[in-house]
Every structure is written in C-alpha cells, then in structure tokens.
C-alpha cells in the first residue's frame, strides 16, 4: 500500500506518524497534526475523470469550511497516464489545501501505474517521503 510506504519512511526518519483513511479522519485530527499527508488514487467519479477516491470527496465536503490556516500539507497520488486527466486527484487535493488555507511543504508526487511496477513506485514514494521528512 502506498500510504504504508510513506508511513514507514517517515517513521524511520524519527517522525511519529498516524495513518487514517479519509472516512476515519476528523477535524480534530487535522488540527492536532504538525503535517498532514494526503494520498489518493484518481478515479472516474460522478461522470468526471481524475477525481479523488469518493471517500475523499465526502471528506472534502465535510472539511471545506474549516480553516486550517498555515497547517502544513503534502500530497501524493496514483494514476494512469493513459487517461487524459493523469493524477487528477492530486490537483483536487491541492485545491482543497488551498481552500482551507493550508501550506504545501513539498512538490506533490504523481505516480504512474503504481501496480504495474511496484518496485519503481515504492522507490519513488520512499524518495519523496525522505525529502518530506527533511522539509
């Protein structure tokens, strides 16, 4: 699982990490966090290509009016470059961060074909999370 790779890398770098799904996450969790890492595959949802997983869409709706001003965020996404809107979930999550007045601390990561080459994908996630841990 991609999020597990990020968790393991950040933990090895000495960070205390809690992994939760969008459904499990509450506003209080976000407020209590020093860094919020959001990750999602891109889906066709409600007739639109390149959307975050539907759980994230519900999460965004619930949280969109909350101000998380200056909270630190990082975003990664999984996608397939054969679609026109490659890793569109990343753009949607970056827009969410902007709307809640959060700050992205690293360039967002877009991974193409995660399940087709898991070794390469895992290395990309590890490299990104290592940089993130230092940021």
Protein backbone atom coordinates (compact mmCIF):
# COMPACT_ATOMS: atom_id res chain seq x y z
CA UNK A 1 0.00 0.00 0.00
CA UNK A 2 1.42 3.40 -1.00
CA UNK A 3 0.46 5.14 2.23
CA UNK A 4 2.20 2.41 4.23
CA UNK A 5 5.45 3.17 2.36
CA UNK A 6 5.15 6.85 3.29
CA UNK A 7 4.39 5.94 6.91
CA UNK A 8 7.40 3.60 7.16
CA UNK A 9 9.77 6.14 5.60
CA UNK A 10 8.65 8.98 7.86
CA UNK A 11 8.77 6.73 10.91
CA UNK A 12 12.32 5.60 10.08
CA UNK A 13 13.24 9.29 9.92
CA UNK A 14 12.10 9.71 13.53
CA UNK A 15 8.62 11.10 12.99
CA UNK A 16 5.53 9.98 14.88
CA UNK A 17 3.01 9.04 12.19
CA UNK A 18 -0.67 8.09 12.38
CA UNK A 19 -2.26 6.52 9.32
CA UNK A 20 -6.00 7.05 8.82
CA UNK A 21 -8.42 6.74 5.95
CA UNK A 22 -10.42 9.77 4.87
CA UNK A 23 -13.51 8.22 6.48
CA UNK A 24 -11.75 7.85 9.84
CA UNK A 25 -10.27 11.36 9.90
CA UNK A 26 -11.90 14.07 11.99
CA UNK A 27 -11.30 17.83 12.03
CA UNK A 28 -9.64 17.44 15.43
CA UNK A 29 -7.10 15.04 13.90
CA UNK A 30 -6.12 17.64 11.33
CA UNK A 31 -5.85 20.42 13.90
CA UNK A 32 -3.65 18.26 16.16
CA UNK A 33 -1.23 17.30 13.36
CA UNK A 34 2.02 19.06 12.54
CA UNK A 35 1.94 17.74 8.97
CA UNK A 36 -0.98 16.27 7.04
CA UNK A 37 -0.12 13.96 4.15
CA UNK A 38 -2.99 13.31 1.75
CA UNK A 39 -2.83 10.49 -0.79
CA UNK A 40 -5.41 9.19 -3.23
CA UNK A 41 -5.75 7.27 -6.46
CA UNK A 42 -7.52 9.06 -9.30
CA UNK A 43 -10.96 7.76 -10.22
CA UNK A 44 -13.81 8.38 -12.58
CA UNK A 45 -16.46 9.67 -10.20
CA UNK A 46 -19.88 11.08 -10.95
CA UNK A 47 -19.06 11.12 -14.67
CA UNK A 48 -15.82 13.08 -14.17
CA UNK A 49 -12.38 11.64 -14.83
CA UNK A 50 -9.43 12.20 -12.49
CA UNK A 51 -11.28 12.62 -9.21
CA UNK A 52 -10.04 11.63 -5.75
CA UNK A 53 -11.48 8.47 -4.26
CA UNK A 54 -15.13 9.03 -3.34
CA UNK A 55 -14.25 8.88 0.38
CA UNK A 56 -12.04 11.94 -0.15
CA UNK A 57 -14.83 13.75 -1.96
CA UNK A 58 -17.05 13.27 1.11
CA UNK A 59 -14.15 14.27 3.39
CA UNK A 60 -13.54 17.47 1.39
CA UNK A 61 -17.23 18.35 1.60
CA UNK A 62 -17.24 17.93 5.38
CA UNK A 63 -14.00 19.84 5.97
CA UNK A 64 -14.14 22.51 3.24
CA UNK A 65 -15.48 25.25 5.53
CA UNK A 66 -12.84 24.65 8.22
CA UNK A 67 -9.84 26.97 8.23
CA UNK A 68 -6.56 25.12 8.60
CA UNK A 69 -4.60 28.29 8.04
CA UNK A 70 -0.85 27.67 7.81
CA UNK A 71 -1.25 23.93 8.54
CA UNK A 72 1.44 22.00 6.68
CA UNK A 73 0.35 19.55 3.98
CA UNK A 74 1.88 17.23 1.42
CA UNK A 75 0.03 15.42 -1.38
CA UNK A 76 0.66 12.31 -3.44
CA UNK A 77 -1.48 10.49 -5.94
CA UNK A 78 -1.66 7.35 -8.00
CA UNK A 79 -2.82 7.44 -11.58
CA UNK A 80 -2.60 6.12 -15.10
CA UNK A 81 -1.08 8.33 -17.79
CA UNK A 82 -3.27 6.71 -20.45
CA UNK A 83 -6.13 8.86 -19.11
CA UNK A 84 -6.44 12.49 -20.16
CA UNK A 85 -6.53 13.78 -16.57
CA UNK A 86 -3.45 11.99 -15.19
CA UNK A 87 -3.43 12.02 -11.37
CA UNK A 88 -6.29 14.49 -11.27
CA UNK A 89 -6.81 13.58 -7.60
CA UNK A 90 -3.55 15.42 -6.82
CA UNK A 91 -4.92 18.64 -8.31
CA UNK A 92 -8.19 18.24 -6.39
CA UNK A 93 -6.33 17.68 -3.10
CA UNK A 94 -4.01 20.63 -3.76
CA UNK A 95 -7.10 22.77 -4.36
CA UNK A 96 -8.55 21.53 -1.06
CA UNK A 97 -5.34 22.55 0.76
CA UNK A 98 -5.54 25.99 -0.84
CA UNK A 99 -9.22 26.37 0.11
CA UNK A 100 -8.59 25.57 3.78
CA UNK A 101 -5.61 27.98 3.72
CA UNK A 102 -3.04 25.23 4.31
CA UNK A 103 0.54 25.30 3.03
CA UNK A 104 2.11 22.66 0.80
CA UNK A 105 5.61 21.91 2.10
CA UNK A 106 6.77 19.82 -0.85
CA UNK A 107 6.04 19.36 -4.52
CA UNK A 108 3.20 16.89 -4.91
CA UNK A 109 4.08 13.41 -6.15
CA UNK A 110 2.26 11.78 -9.05
CA UNK A 111 2.88 8.08 -9.60
CA UNK A 112 2.02 6.44 -12.91
CA UNK A 113 0.93 2.80 -12.93
CA UNK A 114 1.54 2.02 -9.26
CA UNK A 115 0.51 -1.63 -9.58
CA UNK A 116 2.36 -2.19 -12.86
CA UNK A 117 5.81 -1.51 -11.39
CA UNK A 118 5.54 -1.59 -7.61
CA UNK A 119 9.31 -1.62 -7.08
CA UNK A 120 9.76 1.63 -9.01
CA UNK A 121 6.64 3.15 -7.43
CA UNK A 122 7.76 2.22 -3.93
CA UNK A 123 11.17 3.76 -4.58
CA UNK A 124 9.52 6.99 -5.80
CA UNK A 125 7.37 7.13 -2.67
CA UNK A 126 10.36 6.41 -0.41
CA UNK A 127 12.46 9.12 -2.08
CA UNK A 128 9.60 11.64 -1.82
CA UNK A 129 8.87 10.81 1.82
CA UNK A 130 12.58 11.04 2.68
CA UNK A 131 12.67 14.58 1.24
CA UNK A 132 9.44 15.35 3.06
CA UNK A 133 10.91 14.16 6.35
CA UNK A 134 13.74 16.67 5.95
CA UNK A 135 11.47 19.58 4.97
